[in-house]
N, C-alpha and C. Protein backbone atom coordinates (compact mmCIF):
# COMPACT_ATOMS: atom_id res chain seq x y z
N MET A 1 -21.70 114.33 52.72
CA MET A 1 -22.37 114.33 54.00
C MET A 1 -21.57 115.09 55.05
N ALA A 2 -20.29 115.32 54.82
CA ALA A 2 -19.48 115.99 55.83
C ALA A 2 -19.93 117.43 56.08
N ASN A 3 -20.54 118.08 55.09
CA ASN A 3 -20.97 119.46 55.26
C ASN A 3 -22.44 119.58 55.66
N LYS A 4 -23.17 118.48 55.72
CA LYS A 4 -24.58 118.52 56.04
C LYS A 4 -24.78 118.79 57.52
N LYS A 5 -25.77 119.63 57.84
CA LYS A 5 -26.08 119.96 59.23
C LYS A 5 -27.43 119.34 59.58
N TYR A 6 -27.56 118.88 60.80
CA TYR A 6 -28.80 118.31 61.29
C TYR A 6 -29.39 119.29 62.29
N VAL A 7 -30.68 119.60 62.14
CA VAL A 7 -31.34 120.57 62.99
C VAL A 7 -32.41 119.86 63.81
N GLU A 8 -32.43 120.12 65.11
CA GLU A 8 -33.43 119.56 66.02
C GLU A 8 -34.00 120.68 66.87
N SER A 9 -35.09 120.40 67.56
CA SER A 9 -35.66 121.36 68.49
C SER A 9 -35.93 120.65 69.81
N TYR A 10 -35.57 121.29 70.91
CA TYR A 10 -35.77 120.71 72.24
C TYR A 10 -36.00 121.84 73.21
N GLY A 11 -37.13 121.89 73.85
CA GLY A 11 -37.42 122.91 74.86
C GLY A 11 -37.31 124.33 74.34
N GLY A 12 -37.66 124.56 73.07
CA GLY A 12 -37.58 125.89 72.50
C GLY A 12 -36.22 126.24 71.96
N ILE A 13 -35.26 125.31 71.99
CA ILE A 13 -33.91 125.56 71.51
C ILE A 13 -33.76 124.89 70.15
N GLN A 14 -33.33 125.65 69.16
CA GLN A 14 -33.00 125.05 67.88
C GLN A 14 -31.53 124.68 67.93
N THR A 15 -31.22 123.43 67.67
CA THR A 15 -29.85 122.97 67.80
C THR A 15 -29.33 122.41 66.48
N ILE A 16 -28.05 122.61 66.23
CA ILE A 16 -27.40 122.10 65.04
C ILE A 16 -26.23 121.24 65.48
N VAL A 17 -26.13 120.05 64.91
CA VAL A 17 -25.03 119.14 65.23
C VAL A 17 -24.28 118.85 63.94
N HIS A 18 -22.97 118.93 63.98
CA HIS A 18 -22.15 118.65 62.81
C HIS A 18 -21.69 117.20 62.87
N PRO A 19 -22.05 116.36 61.90
CA PRO A 19 -21.75 114.92 61.94
C PRO A 19 -20.29 114.53 62.13
N PRO A 20 -19.27 115.27 61.65
CA PRO A 20 -17.90 114.80 61.86
C PRO A 20 -17.50 114.68 63.33
N CYS A 21 -18.24 115.34 64.23
CA CYS A 21 -17.90 115.31 65.64
C CYS A 21 -18.21 113.96 66.29
N LYS A 22 -19.19 113.25 65.78
CA LYS A 22 -19.65 112.03 66.42
C LYS A 22 -20.31 111.14 65.36
N LYS A 23 -20.20 109.83 65.51
CA LYS A 23 -20.83 108.93 64.54
C LYS A 23 -22.33 109.15 64.46
N ASN A 24 -22.99 109.28 65.60
CA ASN A 24 -24.41 109.56 65.63
C ASN A 24 -24.58 111.08 65.71
N PRO A 25 -25.08 111.74 64.65
CA PRO A 25 -25.15 113.20 64.64
C PRO A 25 -26.19 113.78 65.59
N TYR A 26 -27.12 113.00 66.09
CA TYR A 26 -28.16 113.51 66.96
C TYR A 26 -27.71 113.49 68.41
N LYS A 27 -28.15 114.49 69.16
CA LYS A 27 -27.71 114.63 70.54
C LYS A 27 -28.45 113.69 71.48
N SER A 28 -27.76 113.30 72.54
CA SER A 28 -28.37 112.49 73.58
C SER A 28 -29.17 113.43 74.50
N GLU A 29 -29.93 112.86 75.40
CA GLU A 29 -30.70 113.67 76.35
C GLU A 29 -29.77 114.51 77.24
N ALA A 30 -28.62 113.97 77.62
CA ALA A 30 -27.67 114.71 78.46
C ALA A 30 -27.15 115.95 77.72
N GLU A 31 -26.88 115.83 76.43
CA GLU A 31 -26.39 116.96 75.65
C GLU A 31 -27.47 118.02 75.50
N LYS A 32 -28.70 117.60 75.26
CA LYS A 32 -29.81 118.55 75.14
C LYS A 32 -30.03 119.28 76.46
N LYS A 33 -29.97 118.56 77.57
CA LYS A 33 -30.18 119.17 78.88
C LYS A 33 -29.07 120.17 79.22
N ALA A 34 -27.83 119.86 78.83
CA ALA A 34 -26.72 120.77 79.09
C ALA A 34 -26.90 122.08 78.33
N LEU A 35 -27.32 122.01 77.06
CA LEU A 35 -27.56 123.22 76.28
C LEU A 35 -28.72 124.02 76.87
N TYR A 36 -29.78 123.35 77.27
CA TYR A 36 -30.94 124.02 77.84
C TYR A 36 -30.58 124.67 79.18
N GLU A 37 -29.77 123.98 79.98
CA GLU A 37 -29.35 124.52 81.28
C GLU A 37 -28.53 125.80 81.10
N LYS A 38 -27.62 125.82 80.13
CA LYS A 38 -26.81 127.01 79.88
C LYS A 38 -27.67 128.15 79.34
N LEU A 39 -28.65 127.83 78.52
CA LEU A 39 -29.55 128.85 77.99
C LEU A 39 -30.37 129.49 79.10
N GLU A 40 -30.80 128.70 80.06
CA GLU A 40 -31.60 129.21 81.17
C GLU A 40 -30.76 129.93 82.23
N ASN A 41 -29.48 129.53 82.40
CA ASN A 41 -28.59 130.11 83.41
C ASN A 41 -27.26 130.50 82.76
N PRO A 42 -27.21 131.65 82.07
CA PRO A 42 -25.99 132.02 81.33
C PRO A 42 -24.73 132.17 82.19
N GLU A 43 -24.90 132.55 83.45
CA GLU A 43 -23.73 132.75 84.31
C GLU A 43 -23.18 131.45 84.90
N LYS A 44 -23.94 130.39 84.83
CA LYS A 44 -23.52 129.10 85.38
C LYS A 44 -22.49 128.42 84.46
N THR A 45 -21.52 127.74 85.06
CA THR A 45 -20.54 126.98 84.28
C THR A 45 -21.14 125.62 83.96
N VAL A 46 -21.28 125.33 82.66
CA VAL A 46 -21.85 124.07 82.21
C VAL A 46 -20.80 123.37 81.34
N ILE A 47 -20.56 122.11 81.61
CA ILE A 47 -19.57 121.32 80.88
C ILE A 47 -20.26 120.49 79.81
N CYS A 48 -19.67 120.44 78.62
CA CYS A 48 -20.20 119.66 77.51
C CYS A 48 -20.08 118.17 77.84
N PRO A 49 -21.19 117.43 77.82
CA PRO A 49 -21.11 116.00 78.11
C PRO A 49 -20.45 115.19 77.00
N ARG A 50 -20.32 115.77 75.82
CA ARG A 50 -19.71 115.07 74.70
C ARG A 50 -18.18 115.09 74.75
N CYS A 51 -17.60 116.28 75.06
CA CYS A 51 -16.14 116.37 75.00
C CYS A 51 -15.49 116.90 76.27
N GLY A 52 -16.26 117.45 77.21
CA GLY A 52 -15.70 117.92 78.47
C GLY A 52 -15.28 119.37 78.50
N ASN A 53 -15.44 120.11 77.40
CA ASN A 53 -15.12 121.54 77.38
C ASN A 53 -16.31 122.34 77.91
N GLU A 54 -16.08 123.61 78.15
CA GLU A 54 -17.15 124.47 78.66
C GLU A 54 -18.11 124.87 77.54
N ILE A 55 -19.38 125.02 77.88
CA ILE A 55 -20.38 125.53 76.95
C ILE A 55 -20.51 127.02 77.22
N ILE A 56 -20.46 127.82 76.14
CA ILE A 56 -20.51 129.27 76.27
C ILE A 56 -21.87 129.81 75.83
N TYR A 57 -22.20 131.00 76.32
CA TYR A 57 -23.45 131.70 76.02
C TYR A 57 -23.08 133.01 75.34
N GLU A 58 -23.62 133.26 74.15
CA GLU A 58 -23.33 134.49 73.42
C GLU A 58 -24.61 135.11 72.89
N VAL A 59 -24.68 136.43 72.97
CA VAL A 59 -25.77 137.17 72.35
C VAL A 59 -25.25 137.62 71.00
N ARG A 60 -25.98 137.27 69.94
CA ARG A 60 -25.59 137.62 68.57
C ARG A 60 -26.74 138.37 67.92
N GLY A 61 -26.65 139.70 67.96
CA GLY A 61 -27.74 140.52 67.43
C GLY A 61 -28.96 140.34 68.31
N ASN A 62 -30.07 139.90 67.72
CA ASN A 62 -31.27 139.63 68.51
C ASN A 62 -31.46 138.14 68.72
N SER A 63 -30.38 137.37 68.61
CA SER A 63 -30.40 135.93 68.84
C SER A 63 -29.48 135.58 70.01
N VAL A 64 -29.66 134.38 70.53
CA VAL A 64 -28.81 133.87 71.60
C VAL A 64 -28.27 132.52 71.14
N ALA A 65 -26.97 132.30 71.38
CA ALA A 65 -26.35 131.02 71.02
C ALA A 65 -25.67 130.42 72.24
N VAL A 66 -25.83 129.11 72.42
CA VAL A 66 -25.08 128.36 73.42
C VAL A 66 -24.35 127.27 72.65
N GLU A 67 -23.04 127.17 72.86
CA GLU A 67 -22.26 126.21 72.10
C GLU A 67 -21.02 125.79 72.87
N CYS A 68 -20.52 124.64 72.51
CA CYS A 68 -19.28 124.13 73.09
C CYS A 68 -18.12 124.92 72.52
N THR A 69 -17.05 125.09 73.31
CA THR A 69 -15.88 125.82 72.83
C THR A 69 -15.08 125.00 71.83
N ARG A 70 -15.30 123.70 71.77
CA ARG A 70 -14.61 122.85 70.79
C ARG A 70 -15.28 123.02 69.43
N PRO A 71 -14.52 123.24 68.37
CA PRO A 71 -15.12 123.38 67.04
C PRO A 71 -15.88 122.12 66.61
N ASN A 72 -17.00 122.32 65.93
CA ASN A 72 -17.83 121.24 65.39
C ASN A 72 -18.40 120.31 66.45
N CYS A 73 -18.66 120.84 67.64
CA CYS A 73 -19.30 120.03 68.66
C CYS A 73 -20.77 120.44 68.72
N ILE A 74 -21.38 120.46 69.92
CA ILE A 74 -22.81 120.75 69.99
C ILE A 74 -23.08 122.26 70.01
N TYR A 75 -24.24 122.64 69.52
CA TYR A 75 -24.65 124.03 69.39
C TYR A 75 -26.15 124.12 69.58
N GLY A 76 -26.59 125.18 70.22
CA GLY A 76 -28.02 125.44 70.34
C GLY A 76 -28.26 126.92 70.42
N GLY A 77 -29.48 127.35 70.21
CA GLY A 77 -29.74 128.76 70.30
C GLY A 77 -31.20 129.11 70.07
N LEU A 78 -31.49 130.37 70.29
CA LEU A 78 -32.81 130.93 70.02
C LEU A 78 -32.65 132.06 69.03
N ARG A 79 -33.49 132.05 68.03
CA ARG A 79 -33.45 133.14 67.05
C ARG A 79 -34.33 134.26 67.54
N GLY A 80 -34.01 135.47 67.11
CA GLY A 80 -34.74 136.65 67.55
C GLY A 80 -36.21 136.62 67.17
N LEU A 81 -36.99 137.36 67.91
CA LEU A 81 -38.42 137.41 67.67
C LEU A 81 -38.78 138.49 66.69
């Protein structure tokens, strides 16, 4: 189970959570809102509600990713059209 990824969708964002980061692998509403806020406002500084690190915005090819700077924390993104 340590390598299993959980995928959710919220507000058009596909998110992946890695279970070793937290006992409950699913994100809370605050975590989902933080990812969505960073996706909508890339220049804004958004803090991860799970660990307190900054959430970053990256363009990867024709996709966009928003993720915490801490390894194996929260992640969200949009895949290219």
